[in-house]
């Protein structure tokens, strides 16, 4: 990854780890939520003067923010959920977002450690991880078809706005319209991000879930 991509990924990763929305982070920094969105999608970068308050808001060092994180140690082959995450490039932040839990709680859940979670969060984490382990491999070769189906259902049946999905999946604004109407193909990375967000949302709403999604 280049420096800009590393920075955008780190901002999003540490924001999710802190349990902040883009709007909450923006308010702490005195910028707009749109500015934070641009940073996280690589369409803009914070200027030098913004780095100090940014690392303070995210509770990280400047090196942690600017440098690519060290690769995690190899997982135990018996760690089914963890291997799914590694194989298909799903981040802890995406697991946390899908389950409505924090990134620290998602990391514990991936180790099959649910001791610090409430009953509701344990259920949410367990369902999400089981869902990932069964569906991501199944649909890996059919992403475009699955994405189209899920996107249409969420939009038509549940009224989810495209810009909300773009924010959750860290896509540039108007990216879904470009994909659907102009035929601009999604990158593999965009497909992975969008697939997990769409599938998790579809399952949660279809089940009339009360998980903490801010979808409007």
Protein backbone atom coordinates (compact mmCIF):
# COMPACT_ATOMS: atom_id res chain seq x y z
CA UNK A 1 0.00 0.00 0.00
CA UNK A 2 1.14 3.55 -0.63
CA UNK A 3 1.43 6.15 2.14
CA UNK A 4 -1.96 7.71 1.40
CA UNK A 5 -3.75 4.36 1.48
CA UNK A 6 -2.01 3.38 4.72
CA UNK A 7 -3.07 6.66 6.35
CA UNK A 8 -6.70 6.34 5.21
CA UNK A 9 -6.92 2.74 6.46
CA UNK A 10 -5.34 3.65 9.78
CA UNK A 11 -7.69 6.58 10.40
CA UNK A 12 -10.71 4.37 9.82
CA UNK A 13 -9.26 1.45 11.80
CA UNK A 14 -8.38 3.53 14.85
CA UNK A 15 -11.66 5.46 14.70
CA UNK A 16 -13.62 2.20 14.82
CA UNK A 17 -11.37 0.92 17.59
CA UNK A 18 -12.24 4.01 19.63
CA UNK A 19 -15.93 3.45 18.93
CA UNK A 20 -16.34 6.82 17.20
CA UNK A 21 -18.55 7.70 14.25
CA UNK A 22 -17.17 9.92 11.52
CA UNK A 23 -19.31 12.75 12.84
CA UNK A 24 -18.01 12.34 16.40
CA UNK A 25 -14.40 12.35 15.24
CA UNK A 26 -15.09 15.38 13.07
CA UNK A 27 -16.57 17.28 16.01
CA UNK A 28 -13.49 16.59 18.12
CA UNK A 29 -11.26 17.93 15.38
CA UNK A 30 -13.40 20.89 14.36
CA UNK A 31 -13.87 19.64 10.81
CA UNK A 32 -16.86 18.31 8.87
CA UNK A 33 -17.88 14.65 8.71
CA UNK A 34 -17.37 14.90 4.94
CA UNK A 35 -13.72 15.79 5.55
CA UNK A 36 -13.23 12.69 7.72
CA UNK A 37 -14.93 10.61 5.03
CA UNK A 38 -12.48 11.96 2.45
CA UNK A 39 -9.55 11.02 4.66
CA UNK A 40 -10.86 7.47 5.11
CA UNK A 41 -11.51 6.91 1.40
CA UNK A 42 -8.19 8.37 0.26
CA UNK A 43 -9.73 11.37 -1.49
CA UNK A 44 -7.98 13.74 0.88
CA UNK A 45 -5.41 13.77 3.67
CA UNK A 46 -5.18 15.75 6.90
CA UNK A 47 -2.76 18.64 6.72
CA UNK A 48 0.26 18.78 9.02
CA UNK A 49 -1.47 20.95 11.62
CA UNK A 50 -4.34 18.45 11.89
CA UNK A 51 -2.13 15.46 12.66
CA UNK A 52 -1.50 16.33 16.31
CA UNK A 53 -5.18 16.69 17.28
CA UNK A 54 -5.97 13.64 15.13
CA UNK A 55 -3.56 11.34 16.96
CA UNK A 56 -4.91 12.75 20.23
CA UNK A 57 -8.51 12.03 19.29
CA UNK A 58 -7.62 8.51 18.17
CA UNK A 59 -5.31 7.88 21.17
CA UNK A 60 -2.43 6.65 19.01
CA UNK A 61 1.12 7.75 18.27
CA UNK A 62 2.10 9.52 15.08
CA UNK A 63 4.01 6.43 13.94
CA UNK A 64 0.96 4.23 14.50
CA UNK A 65 -1.11 6.59 12.38
CA UNK A 66 1.36 6.96 9.50
CA UNK A 67 2.99 3.54 9.26
CA UNK A 68 1.58 0.26 7.97
CA UNK A 69 0.66 -2.03 10.88
CA UNK A 70 2.77 -5.12 11.42
CA UNK A 71 1.17 -8.29 10.02
CA UNK A 72 -0.55 -10.43 12.65
CA UNK A 73 1.07 -13.75 13.61
CA UNK A 74 -0.16 -16.83 11.70
CA UNK A 75 -3.45 -18.18 12.99
CA UNK A 76 -4.06 -21.67 14.24
CA UNK A 77 -5.62 -23.62 11.32
CA UNK A 78 -8.35 -24.70 13.75
CA UNK A 79 -9.34 -21.05 14.22
CA UNK A 80 -12.09 -21.18 11.60
CA UNK A 81 -13.40 -17.66 12.09
CA UNK A 82 -9.96 -16.07 12.23
CA UNK A 83 -8.86 -17.85 9.07
CA UNK A 84 -11.96 -16.61 7.25
CA UNK A 85 -11.07 -13.06 8.26
CA UNK A 86 -7.49 -13.48 7.05
CA UNK A 87 -8.34 -15.30 3.82
CA UNK A 88 -10.98 -12.85 2.60
CA UNK A 89 -9.38 -9.64 3.82
CA UNK A 90 -12.15 -8.71 6.26
CA UNK A 91 -10.95 -6.32 8.93
CA UNK A 92 -11.69 -6.38 12.63
CA UNK A 93 -13.46 -3.09 12.11
CA UNK A 94 -15.82 -4.66 9.59
CA UNK A 95 -16.59 -7.59 11.91
CA UNK A 96 -17.23 -5.12 14.73
CA UNK A 97 -19.46 -2.99 12.52
CA UNK A 98 -21.47 -5.98 11.33
CA UNK A 99 -22.00 -7.24 14.88
CA UNK A 100 -22.59 -3.85 16.50
CA UNK A 101 -19.66 -4.29 18.91
CA UNK A 102 -16.30 -2.61 19.42
CA UNK A 103 -13.15 -3.70 17.63
CA UNK A 104 -11.64 -4.95 20.91
CA UNK A 105 -14.73 -7.09 21.48
CA UNK A 106 -14.54 -8.43 17.93
CA UNK A 107 -10.89 -9.35 18.46
CA UNK A 108 -11.80 -11.28 21.61
CA UNK A 109 -14.68 -12.99 19.80
CA UNK A 110 -12.31 -14.13 17.05
CA UNK A 111 -10.34 -15.90 19.78
CA UNK A 112 -13.60 -17.49 20.94
CA UNK A 113 -13.37 -15.41 24.11
CA UNK A 114 -16.86 -14.12 24.89
CA UNK A 115 -16.26 -13.71 28.63
CA UNK A 116 -16.31 -9.91 28.53
CA UNK A 117 -19.42 -9.61 26.36
CA UNK A 118 -23.02 -9.23 27.43
CA UNK A 119 -25.52 -11.87 26.34
CA UNK A 120 -26.76 -9.61 23.53
CA UNK A 121 -23.25 -8.88 22.26
CA UNK A 122 -22.26 -12.54 22.47
CA UNK A 123 -25.26 -13.42 20.31
CA UNK A 124 -24.47 -10.64 17.83
CA UNK A 125 -20.80 -11.62 17.56
CA UNK A 126 -21.55 -15.33 17.29
CA UNK A 127 -24.18 -14.87 14.60
CA UNK A 128 -21.96 -12.52 12.60
CA UNK A 129 -18.92 -14.80 12.72
CA UNK A 130 -20.95 -17.89 11.85
CA UNK A 131 -22.56 -15.99 9.00
CA UNK A 132 -19.18 -14.93 7.65
CA UNK A 133 -17.72 -18.41 7.83
CA UNK A 134 -20.61 -19.87 5.84
CA UNK A 135 -21.36 -17.16 3.29
CA UNK A 136 -18.13 -15.44 2.29
CA UNK A 137 -16.56 -18.60 0.78
CA UNK A 138 -19.87 -19.52 -0.87
CA UNK A 139 -20.21 -16.18 -2.65
CA UNK A 140 -16.55 -15.45 -3.30
CA UNK A 141 -16.88 -16.21 -7.02
CA UNK A 142 -20.28 -14.53 -7.42
CA UNK A 143 -19.72 -11.19 -5.71
CA UNK A 144 -21.21 -9.00 -8.45
CA UNK A 145 -24.50 -10.95 -8.56
CA UNK A 146 -24.80 -11.13 -4.79
CA UNK A 147 -23.95 -7.46 -4.35
CA UNK A 148 -26.58 -6.40 -6.88
CA UNK A 149 -29.25 -8.52 -5.19
CA UNK A 150 -28.44 -7.33 -1.66
CA UNK A 151 -28.14 -3.69 -2.69
CA UNK A 152 -31.55 -3.75 -4.41
CA UNK A 153 -33.22 -5.43 -1.43
CA UNK A 154 -31.78 -3.07 1.16
CA UNK A 155 -32.71 -0.04 -0.92
CA UNK A 156 -36.18 -1.16 -1.98
CA UNK A 157 -37.42 -3.02 1.11
CA UNK A 158 -35.61 -1.28 3.95
CA UNK A 159 -35.01 2.18 2.52
CA UNK A 160 -31.25 2.18 3.11
CA UNK A 161 -29.67 5.12 1.32
CA UNK A 162 -26.68 4.53 -1.00
CA UNK A 163 -24.62 7.20 0.75
CA UNK A 164 -25.09 5.38 4.07
CA UNK A 165 -23.80 2.14 2.55
CA UNK A 166 -20.88 4.01 0.99
CA UNK A 167 -19.96 5.40 4.38
CA UNK A 168 -20.12 2.00 6.13
CA UNK A 169 -18.06 0.35 3.38
CA UNK A 170 -15.58 3.26 3.14
CA UNK A 171 -16.42 3.88 -0.52
CA UNK A 172 -16.10 7.26 -2.26
CA UNK A 173 -19.36 9.22 -2.59
CA UNK A 174 -21.44 8.31 -5.65
CA UNK A 175 -19.44 5.08 -6.08
CA UNK A 176 -22.54 2.84 -6.09
CA UNK A 177 -24.26 4.88 -8.79
CA UNK A 178 -21.10 4.72 -10.90
CA UNK A 179 -21.04 0.95 -10.48
CA UNK A 180 -24.72 0.36 -11.20
CA UNK A 181 -25.41 2.97 -13.88
CA UNK A 182 -22.05 3.64 -15.53
CA UNK A 183 -20.59 0.15 -15.32
CA UNK A 184 -17.46 1.23 -13.45
CA UNK A 185 -16.39 -2.05 -11.88
CA UNK A 186 -15.67 -2.24 -8.17
CA UNK A 187 -12.16 -3.16 -7.15
CA UNK A 188 -11.74 -6.45 -5.25
CA UNK A 189 -11.17 -4.45 -2.09
CA UNK A 190 -14.36 -2.44 -2.62
CA UNK A 191 -16.29 -5.64 -3.29
CA UNK A 192 -15.07 -7.20 -0.04
CA UNK A 193 -15.97 -4.14 2.00
CA UNK A 194 -19.39 -3.77 0.42
CA UNK A 195 -20.25 -7.46 0.56
CA UNK A 196 -19.76 -7.76 4.30
CA UNK A 197 -21.71 -4.56 5.00
CA UNK A 198 -24.61 -5.47 2.70
CA UNK A 199 -24.91 -9.05 3.86
CA UNK A 200 -24.76 -8.17 7.54
CA UNK A 201 -27.34 -5.41 7.13
CA UNK A 202 -29.67 -7.62 5.11
CA UNK A 203 -29.57 -10.36 7.73
CA UNK A 204 -30.01 -7.98 10.65
CA UNK A 205 -32.94 -6.10 9.13
CA UNK A 206 -34.56 -9.23 7.75
CA UNK A 207 -34.52 -10.64 11.28
CA UNK A 208 -36.08 -7.42 12.61
CA UNK A 209 -32.91 -7.00 14.65
CA UNK A 210 -32.44 -4.44 17.38
CA UNK A 211 -28.67 -4.25 16.91
CA UNK A 212 -27.37 -0.66 17.03
CA UNK A 213 -27.28 0.29 13.38
CA UNK A 214 -27.59 3.96 12.51
CA UNK A 215 -28.95 3.42 9.06
CA UNK A 216 -30.96 6.58 8.44
